[in-house]
PDB file of N, CA and C in Angstrom:
ATOM      1  N   MET A   1     -26.140  96.054 -78.517  1.00  0.00           N
ATOM      2  CA  MET A   1     -27.384  95.377 -77.898  1.00  0.00           C
ATOM      3  C   MET A   1     -27.915  96.500 -76.819  1.00  0.00           C
ATOM      4  N   LYS A   2     -27.107  97.093 -76.126  1.00  0.00           N
ATOM      5  CA  LYS A   2     -27.615  97.932 -75.059  1.00  0.00           C
ATOM      6  C   LYS A   2     -28.160  99.072 -75.664  1.00  0.00           C
ATOM      7  N   TYR A   3     -27.500  99.601 -76.597  1.00  0.00           N
ATOM      8  CA  TYR A   3     -27.929 100.949 -77.450  1.00  0.00           C
ATOM      9  C   TYR A   3     -29.428 100.635 -77.856  1.00  0.00           C
ATOM     10  N   LEU A   4     -29.627  99.361 -78.740  1.00  0.00           N
ATOM     11  CA  LEU A   4     -30.916  99.031 -79.237  1.00  0.00           C
ATOM     12  C   LEU A   4     -32.136  99.053 -78.234  1.00  0.00           C
ATOM     13  N   LEU A   5     -31.653  98.379 -76.984  1.00  0.00           N
ATOM     14  CA  LEU A   5     -32.599  98.157 -75.913  1.00  0.00           C
ATOM     15  C   LEU A   5     -33.065  99.473 -75.447  1.00  0.00           C
ATOM     16  N   ALA A   6     -31.989 100.596 -75.139  1.00  0.00           N
ATOM     17  CA  ALA A   6     -32.151 101.753 -74.688  1.00  0.00           C
ATOM     18  C   ALA A   6     -33.258 102.585 -75.519  1.00  0.00           C
ATOM     19  N   MET A   7     -32.855 102.567 -77.047  1.00  0.00           N
ATOM     20  CA  MET A   7     -33.608 103.275 -78.012  1.00  0.00           C
ATOM     21  C   MET A   7     -35.113 102.688 -78.013  1.00  0.00           C
ATOM     22  N   VAL A   8     -35.030 101.471 -77.744  1.00  0.00           N
ATOM     23  CA  VAL A   8     -36.622 100.908 -77.695  1.00  0.00           C
ATOM     24  C   VAL A   8     -37.225 101.383 -76.764  1.00  0.00           C
ATOM     25  N   ILE A   9     -36.795 101.363 -75.388  1.00  0.00           N
ATOM     26  CA  ILE A   9     -37.385 101.870 -74.229  1.00  0.00           C
ATOM     27  C   ILE A   9     -37.884 103.493 -74.416  1.00  0.00           C
ATOM     28  N   THR A  10     -36.875 104.163 -74.887  1.00  0.00           N
ATOM     29  CA  THR A  10     -37.137 105.578 -75.128  1.00  0.00           C
ATOM     30  C   THR A  10     -38.296 105.728 -76.116  1.00  0.00           C
ATOM     31  N   ILE A  11     -38.473 105.013 -77.127  1.00  0.00           N
ATOM     32  CA  ILE A  11     -39.451 105.339 -78.073  1.00  0.00           C
ATOM     33  C   ILE A  11     -40.901 104.879 -77.499  1.00  0.00           C
ATOM     34  N   LEU A  12     -40.867 103.644 -76.561  1.00  0.00           N
ATOM     35  CA  LEU A  12     -42.076 103.372 -75.819  1.00  0.00           C
ATOM     36  C   LEU A  12     -42.377 104.277 -74.691  1.00  0.00           C
ATOM     37  N   LEU A  13     -41.309 104.844 -74.156  1.00  0.00           N
ATOM     38  CA  LEU A  13     -42.029 105.840 -73.159  1.00  0.00           C
ATOM     39  C   LEU A  13     -42.382 107.129 -73.747  1.00  0.00           C
ATOM     40  N   SER A  14     -41.730 107.500 -74.702  1.00  0.00           N
ATOM     41  CA  SER A  14     -42.195 108.904 -75.511  1.00  0.00           C
ATOM     42  C   SER A  14     -43.673 108.791 -76.177  1.00  0.00           C
ATOM     43  N   SER A  15     -43.920 107.533 -76.513  1.00  0.00           N
ATOM     44  CA  SER A  15     -45.230 107.419 -76.976  1.00  0.00           C
ATOM     45  C   SER A  15     -46.243 107.298 -76.070  1.00  0.00           C
ATOM     46  N   CYS A  16     -46.047 107.007 -74.662  1.00  0.00           N
ATOM     47  CA  CYS A  16     -46.851 106.982 -73.585  1.00  0.00           C
ATOM     48  C   CYS A  16     -47.218 108.375 -73.119  1.00  0.00           C
ATOM     49  N   GLY A  17     -46.577 109.302 -73.362  1.00  0.00           N
ATOM     50  CA  GLY A  17     -46.794 110.762 -72.704  1.00  0.00           C
ATOM     51  C   GLY A  17     -48.072 111.251 -73.235  1.00  0.00           C
ATOM     52  N   PRO A  18     -48.644 112.332 -72.710  1.00  0.00           N
ATOM     53  CA  PRO A  18     -49.801 112.954 -73.231  1.00  0.00           C
ATOM     54  C   PRO A  18     -49.639 113.574 -74.496  1.00  0.00           C
ATOM     55  N   GLN A  19     -50.416 113.585 -75.449  1.00  0.00           N
ATOM     56  CA  GLN A  19     -50.465 113.653 -76.889  1.00  0.00           C
ATOM     57  C   GLN A  19     -51.150 115.087 -77.085  1.00  0.00           C
ATOM     58  N   PRO A  20     -50.661 115.953 -78.094  1.00  0.00           N
ATOM     59  CA  PRO A  20     -51.168 117.192 -78.238  1.00  0.00           C
ATOM     60  C   PRO A  20     -52.713 117.006 -78.762  1.00  0.00           C
ATOM     61  N   SER A  21     -53.492 117.826 -78.099  1.00  0.00           N
ATOM     62  CA  SER A  21     -54.889 117.788 -78.263  1.00  0.00           C
ATOM     63  C   SER A  21     -55.839 119.032 -78.807  1.00  0.00           C
ATOM     64  N   GLY A  22     -54.982 120.167 -78.875  1.00  0.00           N
ATOM     65  CA  GLY A  22     -55.758 121.415 -79.543  1.00  0.00           C
ATOM     66  C   GLY A  22     -56.225 121.367 -80.664  1.00  0.00           C
ATOM     67  N   GLU A  23     -56.945 122.241 -81.218  1.00  0.00           N
ATOM     68  CA  GLU A  23     -57.416 122.335 -82.396  1.00  0.00           C
ATOM     69  C   GLU A  23     -56.412 122.598 -83.629  1.00  0.00           C
ATOM     70  N   TRP A  24     -56.752 121.917 -84.724  1.00  0.00           N
ATOM     71  CA  TRP A  24     -55.640 122.027 -85.813  1.00  0.00           C
ATOM     72  C   TRP A  24     -55.806 123.666 -86.464  1.00  0.00           C
ATOM     73  N   VAL A  25     -54.474 123.923 -86.593  1.00  0.00           N
ATOM     74  CA  VAL A  25     -54.443 125.272 -87.551  1.00  0.00           C
ATOM     75  C   VAL A  25     -53.714 124.982 -88.669  1.00  0.00           C
ATOM     76  N   GLU A  26     -54.412 125.452 -89.821  1.00  0.00           N
ATOM     77  CA  GLU A  26     -53.856 125.040 -91.192  1.00  0.00           C
ATOM     78  C   GLU A  26     -52.551 125.911 -91.419  1.00  0.00           C
ATOM     79  N   ILE A  27     -51.602 125.382 -92.101  1.00  0.00           N
ATOM     80  CA  ILE A  27     -50.450 126.258 -92.272  1.00  0.00           C
ATOM     81  C   ILE A  27     -50.304 126.362 -93.829  1.00  0.00           C
ATOM     82  N   LEU A  28     -50.092 125.052 -94.324  1.00  0.00           N
ATOM     83  CA  LEU A  28     -49.578 124.949 -95.759  1.00  0.00           C
ATOM     84  C   LEU A  28     -50.552 124.106 -96.317  1.00  0.00           C
ATOM     85  N   ASN A  29     -51.462 123.463 -95.682  1.00  0.00           N
ATOM     86  CA  ASN A  29     -52.382 122.451 -96.300  1.00  0.00           C
ATOM     87  C   ASN A  29     -53.274 122.933 -97.751  1.00  0.00           C
ATOM     88  N   ASN A  30     -53.429 124.204 -97.608  1.00  0.00           N
ATOM     89  CA  ASN A  30     -54.455 124.716 -98.717  1.00  0.00           C
ATOM     90  C   ASN A  30     -53.404 125.293 -99.690  1.00  0.00           C
ATOM     91  N   GLU A  31     -52.114 125.219 -99.688  1.00  0.00           N
ATOM     92  CA  GLU A  31     -51.328 125.849-100.971  1.00  0.00           C
ATOM     93  C   GLU A  31     -51.293 124.839-101.952  1.00  0.00           C
ATOM     94  N   LYS A  32     -51.297 125.015-103.239  1.00  0.00           N
ATOM     95  CA  LYS A  32     -51.627 124.148-104.098  1.00  0.00           C
ATOM     96  C   LYS A  32     -50.168 123.408-104.293  1.00  0.00           C
ATOM     97  N   TRP A  33     -48.948 124.125-104.210  1.00  0.00           N
ATOM     98  CA  TRP A  33     -47.510 123.507-104.336  1.00  0.00           C
ATOM     99  C   TRP A  33     -47.566 122.573-103.110  1.00  0.00           C
ATOM    100  N   TYR A  34     -47.972 122.672-101.984  1.00  0.00           N
ATOM    101  CA  TYR A  34     -47.693 121.896-101.065  1.00  0.00           C
ATOM    102  C   TYR A  34     -48.507 120.595-101.265  1.00  0.00           C
ATOM    103  N   GLN A  35     -49.824 120.625-101.782  1.00  0.00           N
ATOM    104  CA  GLN A  35     -50.646 119.466-102.056  1.00  0.00           C
ATOM    105  C   GLN A  35     -49.987 118.710-103.317  1.00  0.00           C
ATOM    106  N   GLU A  36     -49.237 119.395-104.294  1.00  0.00           N
ATOM    107  CA  GLU A  36     -48.643 118.789-105.483  1.00  0.00           C
ATOM    108  C   GLU A  36     -47.323 118.150-105.086  1.00  0.00           C
ATOM    109  N   TYR A  37     -46.577 118.578-104.091  1.00  0.00           N
ATOM    110  CA  TYR A  37     -45.418 117.836-103.577  1.00  0.00           C
ATOM    111  C   TYR A  37     -45.473 116.769-103.240  1.00  0.00           C
ATOM    112  N   ASN A  38     -45.023 115.770-104.076  1.00  0.00           N
ATOM    113  CA  ASN A  38     -45.203 114.227-103.940  1.00  0.00           C
ATOM    114  C   ASN A  38     -44.522 113.505-102.795  1.00  0.00           C
ATOM    115  N   VAL A  39     -44.665 113.843-101.648  1.00  0.00           N
ATOM    116  CA  VAL A  39     -44.191 113.233-100.439  1.00  0.00           C
ATOM    117  C   VAL A  39     -45.065 112.730 -99.329  1.00  0.00           C
ATOM    118  N   LEU A  40     -45.018 111.781 -98.927  1.00  0.00           N
ATOM    119  CA  LEU A  40     -45.975 111.463 -98.006  1.00  0.00           C
ATOM    120  C   LEU A  40     -46.056 112.305 -96.629  1.00  0.00           C
ATOM    121  N   GLU A  41     -47.163 112.578 -96.005  1.00  0.00           N
ATOM    122  CA  GLU A  41     -47.132 113.517 -94.742  1.00  0.00           C
ATOM    123  C   GLU A  41     -46.792 112.473 -93.702  1.00  0.00           C
ATOM    124  N   LYS A  42     -46.013 113.144 -92.696  1.00  0.00           N
ATOM    125  CA  LYS A  42     -45.960 112.561 -91.315  1.00  0.00           C
ATOM    126  C   LYS A  42     -46.182 113.379 -90.458  1.00  0.00           C
ATOM    127  N   ASN A  43     -46.344 112.633 -89.268  1.00  0.00           N
ATOM    128  CA  ASN A  43     -46.721 113.419 -87.940  1.00  0.00           C
ATOM    129  C   ASN A  43     -45.385 113.449 -87.228  1.00  0.00           C
ATOM    130  N   TYR A  44     -45.364 114.740 -86.523  1.00  0.00           N
ATOM    131  CA  TYR A  44     -43.857 115.203 -85.815  1.00  0.00           C
ATOM    132  C   TYR A  44     -44.533 115.518 -84.466  1.00  0.00           C
ATOM    133  N   ILE A  45     -44.113 115.148 -83.515  1.00  0.00           N
ATOM    134  CA  ILE A  45     -44.454 115.782 -82.115  1.00  0.00           C
ATOM    135  C   ILE A  45     -43.093 116.253 -81.480  1.00  0.00           C
ATOM    136  N   GLY A  46     -43.132 117.315 -81.130  1.00  0.00           N
ATOM    137  CA  GLY A  46     -42.108 118.186 -80.586  1.00  0.00           C
ATOM    138  C   GLY A  46     -42.375 119.589 -79.806  1.00  0.00           C
ATOM    139  N   VAL A  47     -41.355 120.204 -79.461  1.00  0.00           N
ATOM    140  CA  VAL A  47     -41.413 121.515 -79.042  1.00  0.00           C
ATOM    141  C   VAL A  47     -40.901 122.650 -80.255  1.00  0.00           C
ATOM    142  N   VAL A  48     -41.630 123.751 -80.405  1.00  0.00           N
ATOM    143  CA  VAL A  48     -41.309 124.672 -81.359  1.00  0.00           C
ATOM    144  C   VAL A  48     -40.369 125.682 -80.528  1.00  0.00           C
ATOM    145  N   TYR A  49     -39.518 126.124 -81.186  1.00  0.00           N
ATOM    146  CA  TYR A  49     -38.438 127.365 -80.694  1.00  0.00           C
ATOM    147  C   TYR A  49     -38.313 128.132 -81.795  1.00  0.00           C
ATOM    148  N   ASP A  50     -37.965 129.369 -81.324  1.00  0.00           N
ATOM    149  CA  ASP A  50     -37.853 130.595 -82.178  1.00  0.00           C
ATOM    150  C   ASP A  50     -36.338 130.943 -82.046  1.00  0.00           C
ATOM    151  N   LYS A  51     -35.371 131.129 -83.199  1.00  0.00           N
ATOM    152  CA  LYS A  51     -34.156 131.271 -83.195  1.00  0.00           C
ATOM    153  C   LYS A  51     -33.961 132.842 -83.184  1.00  0.00           C
ATOM    154  N   GLY A  52     -34.846 133.646 -83.131  1.00  0.00           N
ATOM    155  CA  GLY A  52     -34.803 135.113 -83.323  1.00  0.00           C
ATOM    156  C   GLY A  52     -35.048 135.607 -84.649  1.00  0.00           C
ATOM    157  N   GLU A  53     -34.655 136.708 -84.818  1.00  0.00           N
ATOM    158  CA  GLU A  53     -35.068 137.403 -86.082  1.00  0.00           C
ATOM    159  C   GLU A  53     -33.975 137.284 -86.976  1.00  0.00           C
ATOM    160  N   LEU A  54     -33.551 135.773 -87.205  1.00  0.00           N
ATOM    161  CA  LEU A  54     -32.519 135.632 -88.283  1.00  0.00           C
ATOM    162  C   LEU A  54     -33.349 135.526 -89.733  1.00  0.00           C
ATOM    163  N   LYS A  55     -32.908 135.994 -90.780  1.00  0.00           N
ATOM    164  CA  LYS A  55     -33.459 136.379 -92.208  1.00  0.00           C
ATOM    165  C   LYS A  55     -32.519 135.950 -93.125  1.00  0.00           C
ATOM    166  N   TRP A  56     -33.035 135.306 -94.308  1.00  0.00           N
ATOM    167  CA  TRP A  56     -32.167 135.156 -95.541  1.00  0.00           C
ATOM    168  C   TRP A  56     -31.772 136.337 -95.998  1.00  0.00           C
ATOM    169  N   ALA A  57     -30.353 136.165 -96.405  1.00  0.00           N
ATOM    170  CA  ALA A  57     -29.615 137.564 -96.824  1.00  0.00           C
ATOM    171  C   ALA A  57     -30.289 137.829 -98.210  1.00  0.00           C
ATOM    172  N   GLU A  58     -30.792 136.728 -99.060  1.00  0.00           N
ATOM    173  CA  GLU A  58     -31.145 137.068-100.399  1.00  0.00           C
ATOM    174  C   GLU A  58     -32.653 137.535-100.429  1.00  0.00           C
ATOM    175  N   THR A  59     -33.390 136.994 -99.759  1.00  0.00           N
ATOM    176  CA  THR A  59     -34.928 137.434 -99.907  1.00  0.00           C
ATOM    177  C   THR A  59     -35.649 138.092 -98.778  1.00  0.00           C
ATOM    178  N   LYS A  60     -34.838 138.320 -97.543  1.00  0.00           N
ATOM    179  CA  LYS A  60     -35.189 139.001 -96.274  1.00  0.00           C
ATOM    180  C   LYS A  60     -36.617 138.652 -95.711  1.00  0.00           C
ATOM    181  N   GLU A  61     -36.899 137.361 -96.013  1.00  0.00           N
ATOM    182  CA  GLU A  61     -37.963 136.712 -95.516  1.00  0.00           C
ATOM    183  C   GLU A  61     -37.583 135.866 -94.392  1.00  0.00           C
ATOM    184  N   GLU A  62     -38.682 135.584 -93.405  1.00  0.00           N
ATOM    185  CA  GLU A  62     -38.229 134.828 -92.044  1.00  0.00           C
ATOM    186  C   GLU A  62     -38.660 133.447 -92.316  1.00  0.00           C
ATOM    187  N   TYR A  63     -38.110 132.699 -93.370  1.00  0.00           N
ATOM    188  CA  TYR A  63     -38.237 131.273 -93.481  1.00  0.00           C
ATOM    189  C   TYR A  63     -37.705 130.330 -92.703  1.00  0.00           C
ATOM    190  N   ASN A  64     -36.515 130.866 -92.127  1.00  0.00           N
ATOM    191  CA  ASN A  64     -35.793 129.868 -91.251  1.00  0.00           C
ATOM    192  C   ASN A  64     -35.900 130.206 -89.581  1.00  0.00           C
ATOM    193  N   ARG A  65     -36.839 131.203 -89.358  1.00  0.00           N
ATOM    194  CA  ARG A  65     -36.850 131.448 -87.985  1.00  0.00           C
ATOM    195  C   ARG A  65     -37.226 130.719 -86.911  1.00  0.00           C
ATOM    196  N   TYR A  66     -38.005 129.344 -87.067  1.00  0.00           N
ATOM    197  CA  TYR A  66     -38.489 128.693 -86.272  1.00  0.00           C
ATOM    198  C   TYR A  66     -37.870 127.184 -86.667  1.00  0.00           C
ATOM    199  N   PHE A  67     -37.972 126.363 -85.353  1.00  0.00           N
ATOM    200  CA  PHE A  67     -37.339 125.127 -85.305  1.00  0.00           C
ATOM    201  C   PHE A  67     -38.280 124.071 -84.648  1.00  0.00           C
ATOM    202  N   LEU A  68     -38.225 122.764 -84.910  1.00  0.00           N
ATOM    203  CA  LEU A  68     -38.791 121.919 -84.194  1.00  0.00           C
ATOM    204  C   LEU A  68     -38.017 120.903 -83.641  1.00  0.00           C
ATOM    205  N   GLU A  69     -38.050 120.878 -82.202  1.00  0.00           N
ATOM    206  CA  GLU A  69     -37.030 119.864 -81.417  1.00  0.00           C
ATOM    207  C   GLU A  69     -37.791 118.591 -81.109  1.00  0.00           C
ATOM    208  N   LEU A  70     -37.437 117.589 -81.774  1.00  0.00           N
ATOM    209  CA  LEU A  70     -38.129 116.194 -81.283  1.00  0.00           C
ATOM    210  C   LEU A  70     -37.187 115.476 -80.483  1.00  0.00           C
ATOM    211  N   TRP A  71     -37.550 114.425 -79.926  1.00  0.00           N
ATOM    212  CA  TRP A  71     -36.604 113.745 -78.812  1.00  0.00           C
ATOM    213  C   TRP A  71     -35.338 113.386 -79.421  1.00  0.00           C
ATOM    214  N   TYR A  72     -35.229 113.170 -80.792  1.00  0.00           N
ATOM    215  CA  TYR A  72     -34.091 112.427 -81.669  1.00  0.00           C
ATOM    216  C   TYR A  72     -33.357 113.405 -82.562  1.00  0.00           C
ATOM    217  N   THR A  73     -33.996 114.427 -82.759  1.00  0.00           N
ATOM    218  CA  THR A  73     -33.432 115.510 -83.758  1.00  0.00           C
ATOM    219  C   THR A  73     -34.018 116.674 -83.834  1.00  0.00           C
ATOM    220  N   THR A  74     -33.445 117.826 -84.583  1.00  0.00           N
ATOM    221  CA  THR A  74     -34.174 118.950 -84.776  1.00  0.00           C
ATOM    222  C   THR A  74     -34.329 119.445 -86.166  1.00  0.00           C
ATOM    223  N   TYR A  75     -35.418 119.755 -86.335  1.00  0.00           N
ATOM    224  CA  TYR A  75     -35.909 120.242 -87.780  1.00  0.00           C
ATOM    225  C   TYR A  75     -36.016 121.679 -88.008  1.00  0.00           C
ATOM    226  N   GLN A  76     -35.775 122.392 -88.998  1.00  0.00           N
ATOM    227  CA  GLN A  76     -36.262 123.573 -89.182  1.00  0.00           C
ATOM    228  C   GLN A  76     -37.557 123.546 -89.654  1.00  0.00           C
ATOM    229  N   LEU A  77     -38.394 124.595 -89.515  1.00  0.00           N
ATOM    230  CA  LEU A  77     -39.779 124.812 -89.906  1.00  0.00           C
ATOM    231  C   LEU A  77     -39.762 125.677 -91.014  1.00  0.00           C
ATOM    232  N   HIS A  78     -40.333 125.236 -92.318  1.00  0.00           N
ATOM    233  CA  HIS A  78     -40.411 126.272 -93.278  1.00  0.00           C
ATOM    234  C   HIS A  78     -41.778 126.858 -93.152  1.00  0.00           C
ATOM    235  N   SER A  79     -41.618 128.140 -92.759  1.00  0.00           N
ATOM    236  CA  SER A  79     -42.951 128.995 -92.504  1.00  0.00           C
ATOM    237  C   SER A  79     -43.126 130.243 -92.871  1.00  0.00           C
ATOM    238  N   PRO A  80     -43.499 130.442 -94.270  1.00  0.00           N
ATOM    239  CA  PRO A  80     -43.693 131.796 -94.945  1.00  0.00           C
ATOM    240  C   PRO A  80     -44.536 132.711 -93.838  1.00  0.00           C
ATOM    241  N   VAL A  81     -43.891 133.752 -93.768  1.00  0.00           N
ATOM    242  CA  VAL A  81     -44.907 134.746 -92.763  1.00  0.00           C
ATOM    243  C   VAL A  81     -46.108 135.463 -93.725  1.00  0.00           C
ATOM    244  N   ASP A  82     -46.100 135.075 -94.979  1.00  0.00           N
ATOM    245  CA  ASP A  82     -47.093 135.877 -95.633  1.00  0.00           C
ATOM    246  C   ASP A  82     -48.436 135.146 -95.792  1.00  0.00           C
ATOM    247  N   ASN A  83     -48.288 133.932 -95.078  1.00  0.00           N
ATOM    248  CA  ASN A  83     -49.946 133.203 -94.905  1.00  0.00           C
ATOM    249  C   ASN A  83     -50.492 133.592 -93.825  1.00  0.00           C
ATOM    250  N   GLY A  84     -50.203 134.387 -93.095  1.00  0.00           N
ATOM    251  CA  GLY A  84     -51.181 135.045 -91.969  1.00  0.00           C
ATOM    252  C   GLY A  84     -50.862 134.047 -90.686  1.00  0.00           C
ATOM    253  N   ILE A  85     -50.112 133.140 -90.749  1.00  0.00           N
ATOM    254  CA  ILE A  85     -49.968 132.307 -89.736  1.00  0.00           C
ATOM    255  C   ILE A  85     -48.882 132.568 -88.940  1.00  0.00           C
ATOM    256  N   ASN A  86     -49.024 132.988 -87.456  1.00  0.00           N
ATOM    257  CA  ASN A  86     -47.733 133.328 -86.659  1.00  0.00           C
ATOM    258  C   ASN A  86     -47.452 132.105 -85.657  1.00  0.00           C
ATOM    259  N   LEU A  87     -46.368 131.494 -85.986  1.00  0.00           N
ATOM    260  CA  LEU A  87     -45.796 130.507 -85.293  1.00  0.00           C
ATOM    261  C   LEU A  87     -45.470 130.798 -83.904  1.00  0.00           C
ATOM    262  N   GLN A  88     -45.412 132.100 -83.585  1.00  0.00           N
ATOM    263  CA  GLN A  88     -44.928 132.635 -82.262  1.00  0.00           C
ATOM    264  C   GLN A  88     -45.796 132.100 -81.079  1.00  0.00           C
ATOM    265  N   GLU A  89     -47.182 131.867 -81.327  1.00  0.00           N
ATOM    266  CA  GLU A  89     -47.897 131.265 -80.418  1.00  0.00           C
ATOM    267  C   GLU A  89     -47.747 129.935 -79.902  1.00  0.00           C
ATOM    268  N   PHE A  90     -47.012 129.182 -80.738  1.00  0.00           N
ATOM    269  CA  PHE A  90     -46.649 127.965 -80.661  1.00  0.00           C
ATOM    270  C   PHE A  90     -45.171 127.666 -79.899  1.00  0.00           C
ATOM    271  N   VAL A  91     -44.431 128.878 -79.893  1.00  0.00           N
ATOM    272  CA  VAL A  91     -42.930 128.852 -79.353  1.00  0.00           C
ATOM    273  C   VAL A  91     -43.017 128.103 -77.943  1.00  0.00           C
ATOM    274  N   GLY A  92     -42.035 127.283 -77.424  1.00  0.00           N
ATOM    275  CA  GLY A  92     -42.042 126.746 -76.102  1.00  0.00           C
ATOM    276  C   GLY A  92     -43.144 125.816 -75.850  1.00  0.00           C
ATOM    277  N   LYS A  93     -43.993 125.368 -76.761  1.00  0.00           N
ATOM    278  CA  LYS A  93     -45.257 124.384 -76.517  1.00  0.00           C
ATOM    279  C   LYS A  93     -44.790 123.084 -77.273  1.00  0.00           C
ATOM    280  N   LYS A  94     -45.512 122.083 -76.774  1.00  0.00           N
ATOM    281  CA  LYS A  94     -45.392 120.797 -77.235  1.00  0.00           C
ATOM    282  C   LYS A  94     -46.552 120.752 -78.242  1.00  0.00           C
ATOM    283  N   VAL A  95     -46.239 120.413 -79.526  1.00  0.00           N
ATOM    284  CA  VAL A  95     -46.984 120.568 -80.569  1.00  0.00           C
ATOM    285  C   VAL A  95     -46.848 119.313 -81.354  1.00  0.00           C
ATOM    286  N   GLU A  96     -48.218 119.023 -82.255  1.00  0.00           N
ATOM    287  CA  GLU A  96     -48.035 117.988 -83.189  1.00  0.00           C
ATOM    288  C   GLU A  96     -48.058 118.587 -84.561  1.00  0.00           C
ATOM    289  N   ILE A  97     -47.181 118.294 -85.578  1.00  0.00           N
ATOM    290  CA  ILE A  97     -47.242 118.973 -86.848  1.00  0.00           C
ATOM    291  C   ILE A  97     -47.376 117.570 -87.927  1.00  0.00           C
ATOM    292  N   VAL A  98     -48.367 117.977 -88.710  1.00  0.00           N
ATOM    293  CA  VAL A  98     -48.722 117.042 -89.789  1.00  0.00           C
ATOM    294  C   VAL A  98     -47.936 117.703 -91.077  1.00  0.00           C
ATOM    295  N   GLY A  99     -46.852 117.194 -91.571  1.00  0.00           N
ATOM    296  CA  GLY A  99     -46.106 117.791 -92.667  1.00  0.00           C
ATOM    297  C   GLY A  99     -45.125 116.823 -93.610  1.00  0.00           C
ATOM    298  N   LYS A 100     -44.459 117.566 -94.454  1.00  0.00           N
ATOM    299  CA  LYS A 100     -43.663 116.884 -95.414  1.00  0.00           C
ATOM    300  C   LYS A 100     -42.311 117.283 -95.182  1.00  0.00           C
ATOM    301  N   GLU A 101     -41.377 116.233 -95.383  1.00  0.00           N
ATOM    302  CA  GLU A 101     -39.933 116.592 -95.147  1.00  0.00           C
ATOM    303  C   GLU A 101     -39.602 116.900 -96.610  1.00  0.00           C
ATOM    304  N   LYS A 102     -38.458 117.988 -96.590  1.00  0.00           N
ATOM    305  CA  LYS A 102     -37.971 118.505 -97.801  1.00  0.00           C
ATOM    306  C   LYS A 102     -36.629 118.797 -97.619  1.00  0.00           C
ATOM    307  N   GLU A 103     -35.603 118.582 -98.411  1.00  0.00           N
ATOM    308  CA  GLU A 103     -34.140 119.016 -98.435  1.00  0.00           C
ATOM    309  C   GLU A 103     -33.980 120.173 -99.206  1.00  0.00           C
ATOM    310  N   PHE A 104     -33.450 121.308 -98.709  1.00  0.00           N
ATOM    311  CA  PHE A 104     -33.121 122.372 -99.256  1.00  0.00           C
ATOM    312  C   PHE A 104     -31.555 122.509 -99.450  1.00  0.00           C
ATOM    313  N   VAL A 105     -31.034 123.233-100.466  1.00  0.00           N
ATOM    314  CA  VAL A 105     -29.758 123.301-100.692  1.00  0.00           C
ATOM    315  C   VAL A 105     -29.325 124.885-100.744  1.00  0.00           C
ATOM    316  N   TYR A 106     -28.484 125.269 -99.919  1.00  0.00           N
ATOM    317  CA  TYR A 106     -28.019 126.565 -99.894  1.00  0.00           C
ATOM    318  C   TYR A 106     -26.410 126.523-100.090  1.00  0.00           C
ATOM    319  N   GLY A 107     -26.016 126.750-101.434  1.00  0.00           N
ATOM    320  CA  GLY A 107     -24.740 126.557-101.707  1.00  0.00           C
ATOM    321  C   GLY A 107     -24.368 125.185-101.383  1.00  0.00           C
ATOM    322  N   LYS A 108     -23.232 124.848-100.567  1.00  0.00           N
ATOM    323  CA  LYS A 108     -22.903 123.372-100.734  1.00  0.00           C
ATOM    324  C   LYS A 108     -23.586 122.741 -99.315  1.00  0.00           C
ATOM    325  N   ARG A 109     -24.329 123.756 -98.817  1.00  0.00           N
ATOM    326  CA  ARG A 109     -25.089 123.056 -97.472  1.00  0.00           C
ATOM    327  C   ARG A 109     -26.383 122.607 -97.801  1.00  0.00           C
ATOM    328  N   LYS A 110     -26.622 121.267 -97.282  1.00  0.00           N
ATOM    329  CA  LYS A 110     -28.012 120.608 -97.251  1.00  0.00           C
ATOM    330  C   LYS A 110     -28.734 120.853 -96.021  1.00  0.00           C
ATOM    331  N   VAL A 111     -30.136 121.066 -96.105  1.00  0.00           N
ATOM    332  CA  VAL A 111     -30.749 121.316 -94.812  1.00  0.00           C
ATOM    333  C   VAL A 111     -32.038 120.691 -94.891  1.00  0.00           C
ATOM    334  N   LYS A 112     -32.650 119.736 -94.059  1.00  0.00           N
ATOM    335  CA  LYS A 112     -33.778 119.155 -94.189  1.00  0.00           C
ATOM    336  C   LYS A 112     -34.699 119.934 -93.275  1.00  0.00           C
ATOM    337  N   LYS A 113     -35.849 120.178 -93.919  1.00  0.00           N
ATOM    338  CA  LYS A 113     -36.724 121.094 -93.312  1.00  0.00           C
ATOM    339  C   LYS A 113     -38.094 120.098 -93.223  1.00  0.00           C
ATOM    340  N   ILE A 114     -38.964 120.972 -92.370  1.00  0.00           N
ATOM    341  CA  ILE A 114     -40.350 120.293 -92.294  1.00  0.00           C
ATOM    342  C   ILE A 114     -41.259 121.417 -93.212  1.00  0.00           C
ATOM    343  N   LEU A 115     -42.041 121.134 -93.992  1.00  0.00           N
ATOM    344  CA  LEU A 115     -43.100 122.054 -94.472  1.00  0.00           C
ATOM    345  C   LEU A 115     -44.360 121.534 -93.906  1.00  0.00           C
ATOM    346  N   PRO A 116     -44.605 122.406 -92.802  1.00  0.00           N
ATOM    347  CA  PRO A 116     -45.818 122.008 -91.970  1.00  0.00           C
ATOM    348  C   PRO A 116     -47.288 122.272 -92.659  1.00  0.00           C
ATOM    349  N   GLY A 117     -47.962 121.430 -92.829  1.00  0.00           N
ATOM    350  CA  GLY A 117     -49.226 121.262 -93.270  1.00  0.00           C
ATOM    351  C   GLY A 117     -50.428 121.894 -92.343  1.00  0.00           C
ATOM    352  N   LYS A 118     -50.334 121.474 -91.302  1.00  0.00           N
ATOM    353  CA  LYS A 118     -51.111 121.796 -90.141  1.00  0.00           C
ATOM    354  C   LYS A 118     -50.358 121.430 -88.670  1.00  0.00           C
ATOM    355  N   ILE A 119     -50.681 122.157 -87.725  1.00  0.00           N
ATOM    356  CA  ILE A 119     -50.047 122.285 -86.507  1.00  0.00           C
ATOM    357  C   ILE A 119     -51.161 122.399 -85.392  1.00  0.00           C
ATOM    358  N   ARG A 120     -51.011 121.660 -84.199  1.00  0.00           N
ATOM    359  CA  ARG A 120     -51.844 121.988 -82.984  1.00  0.00           C
ATOM    360  C   ARG A 120     -50.925 121.677 -81.593  1.00  0.00           C
ATOM    361  N   ARG A 121     -51.443 122.435 -80.814  1.00  0.00           N
ATOM    362  CA  ARG A 121     -50.552 122.218 -79.498  1.00  0.00           C
ATOM    363  C   ARG A 121     -51.236 121.573 -78.351  1.00  0.00           C
ATOM    364  N   ASN A 122     -50.670 121.200 -77.465  1.00  0.00           N
ATOM    365  CA  ASN A 122     -51.093 120.271 -76.303  1.00  0.00           C
ATOM    366  C   ASN A 122     -52.088 121.299 -75.550  1.00  0.00           C
TER     367      ASN A 122
END
C-alpha cells in the first residue's frame, strides 16, 4: 500500500513540473517505414544523454549512442545519423519525444528502444 501511494504521488508531482515547450524537430516522422510501423505513438518526457562514441560492431553506425532517461526507466534512442538530425544539441536537456517503442534482438539479448518521430526541448 505504501509503495502504491508513493508511486501515485510521484506521478502527480512529475506531471506538475514545467513541460517542454520548444519547437518540434522531425526525426523519423517522415520515414515511410516509421509511418508503416503499426504501433501507437507515445509521449516520453525525460533527459537525453550521450553514451559516447559507441558503435555497432556489424554496421559501424551510431544507432545506440543516445538514450532517454525517464523518471522510472531508461530507453535507448534509435537515431540514425544519416537523416541529418544531430541529437547532440539535446544532450543534458529535458525533452519531450513522440515516438514508438520497439524491441530489438541482439543475439540472445532483447533491448527496448524508442523510435523517435519528433523531439522538442524545454
